[in-house]
């Protein structure tokens, strides 16, 4: 049996992920967002419009699971939903200006916290770490 030279990736990333989520929760609460609400706002990104189904796929959520999240975000005026003129069974989802502003403020605060954590790395290590995370994230999205 080969000797383990490093901990498993999940053993290293899991605690880091939980710590990051715990640090994000107060920021999201200040913006009256749930984690899923924030994920939806991020998922809408720069695309002008998504169908609910395409959005669910993009954020890796069950399309029925996000309906309540979409309802709440729409009631708050953060997103707009309308029937798809090409398919009346589908709904199109887009960010409102208020949704974009809320997302940007929350993301800025979260990334400021992340920058304080990343400051423990040298600039070169920080760039390499972020590049590696982006590469691995892209690889998992293709599966």
N, C-alpha and C. Protein backbone atom coordinates (compact mmCIF):
# COMPACT_ATOMS: atom_id res chain seq x y z
N UNK A 1 0.85 -1.19 0.00
CA UNK A 1 0.00 0.00 0.00
C UNK A 1 0.89 1.24 0.00
N UNK A 2 0.68 2.15 -0.97
CA UNK A 2 1.54 3.34 -1.02
C UNK A 2 1.30 4.26 0.16
N UNK A 3 2.37 4.94 0.54
CA UNK A 3 2.30 5.87 1.66
C UNK A 3 1.59 7.16 1.21
N UNK A 4 0.66 7.64 2.03
CA UNK A 4 -0.04 8.89 1.73
C UNK A 4 0.93 10.05 1.93
N UNK A 5 1.15 10.83 0.91
CA UNK A 5 2.09 11.95 0.99
C UNK A 5 1.40 13.26 1.32
N UNK A 6 0.10 13.27 1.18
CA UNK A 6 -0.67 14.48 1.47
C UNK A 6 -2.08 14.05 1.87
N UNK A 7 -2.80 14.92 2.55
CA UNK A 7 -4.21 14.60 2.84
C UNK A 7 -5.01 14.59 1.53
N UNK A 8 -6.12 13.89 1.53
CA UNK A 8 -7.03 13.91 0.39
C UNK A 8 -7.50 15.33 0.15
N UNK A 9 -7.84 15.63 -1.10
CA UNK A 9 -8.29 16.98 -1.44
C UNK A 9 -9.52 17.38 -0.61
N UNK A 10 -10.48 16.48 -0.48
CA UNK A 10 -11.69 16.81 0.29
C UNK A 10 -11.35 17.11 1.75
N UNK A 11 -10.34 16.42 2.29
CA UNK A 11 -9.93 16.66 3.68
C UNK A 11 -9.32 18.06 3.84
N UNK A 12 -8.73 18.56 2.78
CA UNK A 12 -8.15 19.91 2.85
C UNK A 12 -9.19 20.97 2.47
N UNK A 13 -9.96 20.71 1.43
CA UNK A 13 -10.89 21.71 0.93
C UNK A 13 -12.14 21.81 1.79
N UNK A 14 -12.59 20.68 2.34
CA UNK A 14 -13.83 20.68 3.14
C UNK A 14 -13.80 21.69 4.28
N UNK A 15 -12.81 21.62 5.18
CA UNK A 15 -12.77 22.60 6.28
C UNK A 15 -12.63 24.04 5.78
N UNK A 16 -11.85 24.24 4.73
CA UNK A 16 -11.71 25.58 4.17
C UNK A 16 -13.06 26.07 3.63
N UNK A 17 -13.74 25.20 2.91
CA UNK A 17 -15.05 25.56 2.36
C UNK A 17 -16.05 25.91 3.45
N UNK A 18 -16.07 25.09 4.51
CA UNK A 18 -17.00 25.38 5.63
C UNK A 18 -16.65 26.71 6.30
N UNK A 19 -15.37 27.00 6.45
CA UNK A 19 -14.95 28.27 7.07
C UNK A 19 -15.35 29.45 6.18
N UNK A 20 -15.19 29.29 4.87
CA UNK A 20 -15.57 30.37 3.95
C UNK A 20 -17.07 30.62 3.98
N UNK A 21 -17.85 29.55 3.98
CA UNK A 21 -19.31 29.69 4.04
C UNK A 21 -19.71 30.37 5.34
N UNK A 22 -19.11 29.96 6.45
CA UNK A 22 -19.44 30.57 7.74
C UNK A 22 -19.10 32.06 7.74
N UNK A 23 -18.02 32.43 7.07
CA UNK A 23 -17.65 33.85 6.99
C UNK A 23 -18.59 34.62 6.07
N UNK A 24 -19.15 33.95 5.06
CA UNK A 24 -20.07 34.61 4.13
C UNK A 24 -21.44 34.85 4.73
N UNK A 25 -21.88 33.98 5.61
CA UNK A 25 -23.26 34.07 6.12
C UNK A 25 -23.59 35.44 6.71
N UNK A 26 -22.75 36.04 7.56
CA UNK A 26 -23.10 37.37 8.07
C UNK A 26 -23.22 38.42 6.97
N UNK A 27 -22.39 38.32 5.95
CA UNK A 27 -22.47 39.25 4.82
C UNK A 27 -23.80 39.07 4.11
N UNK A 28 -24.16 37.84 3.83
CA UNK A 28 -25.42 37.57 3.15
C UNK A 28 -26.61 38.03 3.99
N UNK A 29 -26.53 37.81 5.30
CA UNK A 29 -27.61 38.26 6.19
C UNK A 29 -27.77 39.77 6.14
N UNK A 30 -26.65 40.50 6.09
CA UNK A 30 -26.71 41.97 5.99
C UNK A 30 -27.43 42.40 4.71
N UNK A 31 -27.34 41.59 3.68
CA UNK A 31 -27.98 41.91 2.40
C UNK A 31 -29.31 41.17 2.24
N UNK A 32 -29.75 40.54 3.32
CA UNK A 32 -31.03 39.81 3.33
C UNK A 32 -31.08 38.75 2.23
N UNK A 33 -29.96 38.02 2.10
CA UNK A 33 -29.87 36.95 1.11
C UNK A 33 -29.61 35.62 1.79
N UNK A 34 -30.19 34.57 1.25
CA UNK A 34 -29.81 33.22 1.65
C UNK A 34 -28.63 32.81 0.78
N UNK A 35 -27.98 31.73 1.15
CA UNK A 35 -26.88 31.23 0.31
C UNK A 35 -27.40 30.89 -1.08
N UNK A 36 -28.56 30.22 -1.16
CA UNK A 36 -29.13 29.88 -2.47
C UNK A 36 -29.53 31.14 -3.24
N UNK A 37 -30.03 32.15 -2.56
CA UNK A 37 -30.36 33.40 -3.23
C UNK A 37 -29.13 34.03 -3.85
N UNK A 38 -28.04 34.01 -3.11
CA UNK A 38 -26.78 34.56 -3.61
C UNK A 38 -26.27 33.74 -4.79
N UNK A 39 -26.37 32.42 -4.68
CA UNK A 39 -25.94 31.55 -5.78
C UNK A 39 -26.74 31.86 -7.04
N UNK A 40 -28.05 32.08 -6.90
CA UNK A 40 -28.88 32.44 -8.06
C UNK A 40 -28.42 33.77 -8.65
N UNK A 41 -28.22 34.78 -7.81
CA UNK A 41 -27.78 36.08 -8.32
C UNK A 41 -26.43 35.96 -9.03
N UNK A 42 -25.51 35.18 -8.47
CA UNK A 42 -24.23 34.97 -9.13
C UNK A 42 -24.42 34.20 -10.43
N UNK A 43 -25.32 33.22 -10.40
CA UNK A 43 -25.56 32.39 -11.59
C UNK A 43 -26.12 33.17 -12.75
N UNK A 44 -26.85 34.22 -12.46
CA UNK A 44 -27.39 35.04 -13.54
C UNK A 44 -26.30 35.85 -14.21
N UNK A 45 -25.22 36.09 -13.49
CA UNK A 45 -24.02 36.68 -14.05
C UNK A 45 -24.25 37.78 -15.06
N UNK A 46 -23.51 37.70 -16.14
CA UNK A 46 -23.58 38.73 -17.17
C UNK A 46 -24.56 38.38 -18.28
N UNK A 47 -25.13 37.19 -18.21
CA UNK A 47 -26.10 36.80 -19.23
C UNK A 47 -27.34 37.66 -19.07
N UNK A 48 -27.91 38.13 -20.18
CA UNK A 48 -29.09 38.98 -20.03
C UNK A 48 -30.31 38.21 -19.51
N UNK A 49 -30.47 36.94 -19.94
CA UNK A 49 -31.66 36.18 -19.57
C UNK A 49 -31.33 34.69 -19.59
N UNK A 50 -31.88 33.97 -18.65
CA UNK A 50 -31.80 32.51 -18.60
C UNK A 50 -33.22 31.96 -18.50
N UNK A 51 -33.43 30.75 -18.98
CA UNK A 51 -34.66 30.07 -18.60
C UNK A 51 -34.41 29.54 -17.20
N UNK A 52 -35.48 29.29 -16.45
CA UNK A 52 -35.32 28.74 -15.10
C UNK A 52 -34.56 27.43 -15.17
N UNK A 53 -34.85 26.61 -16.17
CA UNK A 53 -34.19 25.32 -16.32
C UNK A 53 -32.69 25.49 -16.59
N UNK A 54 -32.33 26.41 -17.48
CA UNK A 54 -30.92 26.65 -17.79
C UNK A 54 -30.18 27.22 -16.58
N UNK A 55 -30.84 28.09 -15.83
CA UNK A 55 -30.24 28.65 -14.62
C UNK A 55 -29.97 27.54 -13.61
N UNK A 56 -30.96 26.68 -13.39
CA UNK A 56 -30.79 25.57 -12.45
C UNK A 56 -29.60 24.70 -12.86
N UNK A 57 -29.50 24.42 -14.14
CA UNK A 57 -28.38 23.62 -14.63
C UNK A 57 -27.05 24.34 -14.40
N UNK A 58 -27.02 25.63 -14.69
CA UNK A 58 -25.79 26.42 -14.54
C UNK A 58 -25.30 26.46 -13.09
N UNK A 59 -26.23 26.50 -12.14
CA UNK A 59 -25.82 26.58 -10.73
C UNK A 59 -25.86 25.21 -10.05
N UNK A 60 -26.13 24.17 -10.85
CA UNK A 60 -26.17 22.79 -10.35
C UNK A 60 -27.19 22.61 -9.24
N UNK A 61 -28.38 23.10 -9.51
CA UNK A 61 -29.49 22.97 -8.56
C UNK A 61 -30.63 22.25 -9.25
N UNK A 62 -31.42 21.55 -8.47
CA UNK A 62 -32.63 20.95 -9.00
C UNK A 62 -33.58 22.08 -9.39
N UNK A 63 -34.14 22.00 -10.61
CA UNK A 63 -34.97 23.12 -11.07
C UNK A 63 -36.20 23.33 -10.21
N UNK A 64 -36.69 22.30 -9.55
CA UNK A 64 -37.84 22.51 -8.65
C UNK A 64 -37.40 23.12 -7.33
N UNK A 65 -36.15 22.88 -6.93
CA UNK A 65 -35.63 23.41 -5.66
C UNK A 65 -35.51 24.93 -5.69
N UNK A 66 -35.18 25.49 -6.83
CA UNK A 66 -34.92 26.93 -6.85
C UNK A 66 -36.18 27.77 -7.04
N UNK A 67 -37.31 27.15 -7.28
CA UNK A 67 -38.52 27.93 -7.52
C UNK A 67 -38.84 28.82 -6.33
N UNK A 68 -38.76 28.30 -5.13
CA UNK A 68 -39.01 29.12 -3.93
C UNK A 68 -38.01 30.24 -3.80
N UNK A 69 -36.77 29.97 -4.14
CA UNK A 69 -35.73 31.00 -4.10
C UNK A 69 -36.05 32.09 -5.12
N UNK A 70 -36.44 31.67 -6.32
CA UNK A 70 -36.80 32.64 -7.36
C UNK A 70 -38.01 33.46 -6.95
N UNK A 71 -38.99 32.81 -6.33
CA UNK A 71 -40.18 33.54 -5.86
C UNK A 71 -39.77 34.65 -4.89
N UNK A 72 -38.91 34.30 -3.94
CA UNK A 72 -38.49 35.26 -2.92
C UNK A 72 -37.69 36.41 -3.54
N UNK A 73 -36.78 36.09 -4.45
CA UNK A 73 -35.98 37.12 -5.10
C UNK A 73 -36.85 38.03 -5.97
N UNK A 74 -37.86 37.45 -6.61
CA UNK A 74 -38.76 38.26 -7.43
C UNK A 74 -39.61 39.17 -6.55
N UNK A 75 -40.10 38.66 -5.42
CA UNK A 75 -40.89 39.50 -4.51
C UNK A 75 -40.08 40.67 -4.00
N UNK A 76 -38.79 40.50 -3.85
CA UNK A 76 -37.92 41.57 -3.38
C UNK A 76 -37.46 42.49 -4.51
N UNK A 77 -37.84 42.18 -5.74
CA UNK A 77 -37.47 43.02 -6.87
C UNK A 77 -36.05 42.83 -7.34
N UNK A 78 -35.44 41.68 -7.01
CA UNK A 78 -34.05 41.43 -7.38
C UNK A 78 -33.92 40.71 -8.72
N UNK A 79 -34.97 40.01 -9.11
CA UNK A 79 -35.00 39.35 -10.41
C UNK A 79 -36.34 39.62 -11.06
N UNK A 80 -36.37 39.38 -12.36
CA UNK A 80 -37.62 39.49 -13.11
C UNK A 80 -37.83 38.16 -13.82
N UNK A 81 -39.06 37.65 -13.77
CA UNK A 81 -39.41 36.42 -14.50
C UNK A 81 -40.57 36.74 -15.41
N UNK A 82 -40.49 36.19 -16.62
CA UNK A 82 -41.56 36.39 -17.60
C UNK A 82 -41.67 35.12 -18.44
N UNK A 83 -42.85 34.85 -18.95
CA UNK A 83 -42.98 33.69 -19.85
C UNK A 83 -42.08 33.84 -21.07
N UNK A 84 -41.50 32.74 -21.49
CA UNK A 84 -40.65 32.72 -22.69
C UNK A 84 -41.55 32.80 -23.92
N UNK A 85 -41.40 33.84 -24.74
CA UNK A 85 -42.27 33.94 -25.91
C UNK A 85 -42.11 32.75 -26.87
N UNK A 86 -40.94 32.11 -26.84
CA UNK A 86 -40.70 30.96 -27.72
C UNK A 86 -41.28 29.66 -27.16
N UNK A 87 -41.53 29.64 -25.85
CA UNK A 87 -42.05 28.43 -25.20
C UNK A 87 -42.80 28.86 -23.96
N UNK A 88 -44.10 28.98 -24.06
CA UNK A 88 -44.93 29.51 -22.96
C UNK A 88 -44.85 28.66 -21.69
N UNK A 89 -44.33 27.44 -21.79
CA UNK A 89 -44.18 26.60 -20.59
C UNK A 89 -42.96 27.01 -19.78
N UNK A 90 -42.03 27.71 -20.42
CA UNK A 90 -40.78 28.11 -19.76
C UNK A 90 -40.87 29.56 -19.30
N UNK A 91 -40.08 29.86 -18.29
CA UNK A 91 -39.98 31.24 -17.80
C UNK A 91 -38.56 31.73 -17.95
N UNK A 92 -38.44 32.99 -18.35
CA UNK A 92 -37.14 33.63 -18.48
C UNK A 92 -36.83 34.40 -17.19
N UNK A 93 -35.60 34.33 -16.76
CA UNK A 93 -35.17 34.97 -15.51
C UNK A 93 -34.05 35.95 -15.83
N UNK A 94 -34.12 37.13 -15.28
CA UNK A 94 -33.06 38.12 -15.45
C UNK A 94 -32.91 38.92 -14.17
N UNK A 95 -31.72 39.50 -14.02
CA UNK A 95 -31.47 40.39 -12.88
C UNK A 95 -32.13 41.74 -13.12
N UNK A 96 -32.64 42.32 -12.07
CA UNK A 96 -33.09 43.71 -12.12
C UNK A 96 -31.90 44.58 -11.70
N UNK A 97 -31.97 45.88 -11.92
CA UNK A 97 -30.88 46.74 -11.43
C UNK A 97 -30.66 46.57 -9.91
N UNK A 98 -31.74 46.40 -9.15
CA UNK A 98 -31.59 46.20 -7.70
C UNK A 98 -30.89 44.87 -7.41
N UNK A 99 -31.20 43.85 -8.19
CA UNK A 99 -30.55 42.55 -8.02
C UNK A 99 -29.07 42.62 -8.33
N UNK A 100 -28.75 43.32 -9.41
CA UNK A 100 -27.34 43.46 -9.79
C UNK A 100 -26.58 44.23 -8.70
N UNK A 101 -27.18 45.29 -8.19
CA UNK A 101 -26.55 46.09 -7.14
C UNK A 101 -26.36 45.28 -5.86
N UNK A 102 -27.38 44.55 -5.47
CA UNK A 102 -27.29 43.71 -4.26
C UNK A 102 -26.20 42.67 -4.43
N UNK A 103 -26.19 42.00 -5.58
CA UNK A 103 -25.17 40.99 -5.85
C UNK A 103 -23.78 41.60 -5.79
N UNK A 104 -23.59 42.75 -6.43
CA UNK A 104 -22.26 43.37 -6.47
C UNK A 104 -21.79 43.78 -5.08
N UNK A 105 -22.69 44.34 -4.26
CA UNK A 105 -22.30 44.75 -2.91
C UNK A 105 -21.92 43.53 -2.07
N UNK A 106 -22.75 42.48 -2.11
CA UNK A 106 -22.47 41.28 -1.32
C UNK A 106 -21.17 40.63 -1.80
N UNK A 107 -21.00 40.53 -3.11
CA UNK A 107 -19.80 39.90 -3.64
C UNK A 107 -18.55 40.71 -3.27
N UNK A 108 -18.65 42.01 -3.32
CA UNK A 108 -17.50 42.86 -2.95
C UNK A 108 -17.10 42.60 -1.49
N UNK A 109 -18.08 42.56 -0.59
CA UNK A 109 -17.77 42.30 0.83
C UNK A 109 -17.18 40.92 1.03
N UNK A 110 -17.73 39.93 0.35
CA UNK A 110 -17.22 38.56 0.48
C UNK A 110 -15.80 38.49 -0.05
N UNK A 111 -15.54 39.10 -1.19
CA UNK A 111 -14.20 39.04 -1.75
C UNK A 111 -13.19 39.85 -0.95
N UNK A 112 -13.64 40.89 -0.24
CA UNK A 112 -12.74 41.61 0.67
C UNK A 112 -12.30 40.67 1.80
N UNK A 113 -13.23 39.88 2.33
CA UNK A 113 -12.88 38.89 3.36
C UNK A 113 -11.90 37.86 2.80
N UNK A 114 -12.19 37.39 1.58
CA UNK A 114 -11.31 36.40 0.95
C UNK A 114 -9.92 36.98 0.73
N UNK A 115 -9.85 38.24 0.35
CA UNK A 115 -8.55 38.88 0.13
C UNK A 115 -7.71 38.89 1.41
N UNK A 116 -8.37 39.08 2.56
CA UNK A 116 -7.63 39.05 3.84
C UNK A 116 -7.06 37.65 4.08
N UNK A 117 -7.82 36.61 3.74
CA UNK A 117 -7.32 35.25 3.88
C UNK A 117 -6.20 34.98 2.87
N UNK A 118 -6.40 35.39 1.63
CA UNK A 118 -5.40 35.17 0.59
C UNK A 118 -4.12 35.95 0.84
N UNK A 119 -4.19 37.01 1.64
CA UNK A 119 -3.01 37.81 1.95
C UNK A 119 -1.95 37.00 2.69
N UNK A 120 -2.33 35.84 3.22
CA UNK A 120 -1.36 34.98 3.88
C UNK A 120 -0.44 34.29 2.88
N UNK A 121 -0.80 34.36 1.60
CA UNK A 121 0.03 33.78 0.54
C UNK A 121 0.83 34.88 -0.14
N UNK A 122 1.98 34.50 -0.69
CA UNK A 122 2.74 35.46 -1.48
C UNK A 122 1.91 35.79 -2.73
N UNK A 123 2.16 36.94 -3.35
CA UNK A 123 1.40 37.27 -4.56
C UNK A 123 1.47 36.17 -5.63
N UNK A 124 2.64 35.57 -5.82
CA UNK A 124 2.78 34.50 -6.82
C UNK A 124 1.97 33.28 -6.42
N UNK A 125 2.02 32.90 -5.14
CA UNK A 125 1.24 31.76 -4.66
C UNK A 125 -0.25 32.03 -4.77
N UNK A 126 -0.65 33.26 -4.49
CA UNK A 126 -2.07 33.64 -4.58
C UNK A 126 -2.57 33.49 -6.02
N UNK A 127 -1.79 34.00 -6.97
CA UNK A 127 -2.17 33.88 -8.38
C UNK A 127 -2.24 32.41 -8.80
N UNK A 128 -1.25 31.62 -8.39
CA UNK A 128 -1.22 30.20 -8.74
C UNK A 128 -2.40 29.46 -8.11
N UNK A 129 -2.70 29.77 -6.85
CA UNK A 129 -3.81 29.13 -6.15
C UNK A 129 -5.14 29.43 -6.84
N UNK A 130 -5.37 30.70 -7.15
CA UNK A 130 -6.62 31.09 -7.81
C UNK A 130 -6.71 30.49 -9.21
N UNK A 131 -5.62 30.46 -9.92
CA UNK A 131 -5.61 29.86 -11.26
C UNK A 131 -5.92 28.37 -11.17
N UNK A 132 -5.31 27.68 -10.20
CA UNK A 132 -5.56 26.25 -10.02
C UNK A 132 -7.02 25.98 -9.65
N UNK A 133 -7.58 26.81 -8.75
CA UNK A 133 -8.99 26.64 -8.38
C UNK A 133 -9.90 26.84 -9.58
N UNK A 134 -9.62 27.85 -10.38
CA UNK A 134 -10.44 28.11 -11.57
C UNK A 134 -10.34 26.96 -12.56
N UNK A 135 -9.16 26.40 -12.72
CA UNK A 135 -8.97 25.25 -13.62
C UNK A 135 -9.76 24.05 -13.12
N UNK A 136 -9.65 23.75 -11.83
CA UNK A 136 -10.36 22.60 -11.27
C UNK A 136 -11.87 22.82 -11.30
N UNK A 137 -12.32 24.05 -11.03
CA UNK A 137 -13.75 24.34 -11.08
C UNK A 137 -14.28 24.14 -12.49
N UNK A 138 -13.53 24.61 -13.48
CA UNK A 138 -13.95 24.44 -14.88
C UNK A 138 -13.99 22.96 -15.25
N UNK A 139 -13.02 22.19 -14.76
CA UNK A 139 -12.99 20.76 -15.07
C UNK A 139 -14.20 20.04 -14.47
N UNK A 140 -14.62 20.45 -13.27
CA UNK A 140 -15.77 19.78 -12.65
C UNK A 140 -17.07 20.19 -13.32
N UNK A 141 -17.13 21.38 -13.92
CA UNK A 141 -18.33 21.82 -14.61
C UNK A 141 -18.56 21.03 -15.89
N UNK A 142 -17.50 20.52 -16.47
CA UNK A 142 -17.61 19.78 -17.73
C UNK A 142 -18.09 18.36 -17.53
N UNK A 143 -18.16 17.91 -16.30
CA UNK A 143 -18.58 16.53 -16.04
C UNK A 143 -20.07 16.42 -16.01
